[in-house]
Protein backbone atom coordinates (compact mmCIF):
# COMPACT_ATOMS: atom_id res chain seq x y z
CA UNK A 1 13.77 6.54 -4.00
CA UNK A 2 10.74 4.76 -5.49
CA UNK A 3 8.10 2.84 -3.47
CA UNK A 4 6.19 -0.14 -4.52
CA UNK A 5 2.87 -1.52 -3.26
CA UNK A 6 4.92 -3.97 -1.21
CA UNK A 7 6.22 -0.86 0.74
CA UNK A 8 2.73 0.16 1.78
CA UNK A 9 1.73 -0.08 5.39
CA UNK A 10 -0.44 -3.12 6.21
CA UNK A 11 -3.63 -3.32 8.28
CA UNK A 12 -4.45 -6.94 7.99
CA UNK A 13 -7.62 -6.07 5.98
CA UNK A 14 -7.03 -7.15 2.42
CA UNK A 15 -9.18 -4.56 0.79
CA UNK A 16 -7.59 -1.75 2.79
CA UNK A 17 -4.07 -3.03 2.17
CA UNK A 18 -4.79 -3.16 -1.53
CA UNK A 19 -6.03 0.43 -1.49
CA UNK A 20 -2.90 1.51 0.35
CA UNK A 21 -0.81 -0.29 -2.14
CA UNK A 22 -2.51 1.62 -5.00
CA UNK A 23 -1.75 4.86 -3.25
CA UNK A 24 1.92 4.08 -2.75
CA UNK A 25 2.17 2.97 -6.44
CA UNK A 26 1.05 6.48 -7.46
CA UNK A 27 4.67 7.50 -7.26
CA UNK A 28 5.27 5.55 -10.47
CA UNK A 29 2.24 6.95 -12.35
CA UNK A 30 1.77 10.19 -14.17
CA UNK A 31 0.25 12.99 -12.06
CA UNK A 32 -2.70 13.14 -14.46
CA UNK A 33 -3.74 9.71 -13.28
CA UNK A 34 -3.69 10.41 -9.59
CA UNK A 35 -7.21 11.85 -9.24
CA UNK A 36 -8.70 8.75 -10.87
CA UNK A 37 -6.78 6.39 -8.50
CA UNK A 38 -7.80 8.52 -5.45
CA UNK A 39 -11.44 8.38 -6.52
CA UNK A 40 -11.25 4.61 -7.04
CA UNK A 41 -9.55 4.05 -3.63
CA UNK A 42 -12.17 6.28 -1.95
CA UNK A 43 -15.04 4.24 -3.46
CA UNK A 44 -13.46 0.97 -2.53
CA UNK A 45 -12.83 2.11 1.06
CA UNK A 46 -16.43 3.37 1.41
CA UNK A 47 -17.72 -0.08 0.21
CA UNK A 48 -15.55 -1.74 2.81
CA UNK A 49 -16.85 0.41 5.56
CA UNK A 50 -20.46 -0.20 4.44
CA UNK A 51 -19.97 -4.03 4.46
């Protein structure tokens, strides 16, 4: 079974929902790309918390 960003849980906070969608979409991406996505998601979530 494959997941899509549409299958990601939602929080009602657009930035957080987009980050969760990117994590769910990792299933379709090569393992070598996962660390880069996690780093990007972490940075975006930190910025959201700082706002």
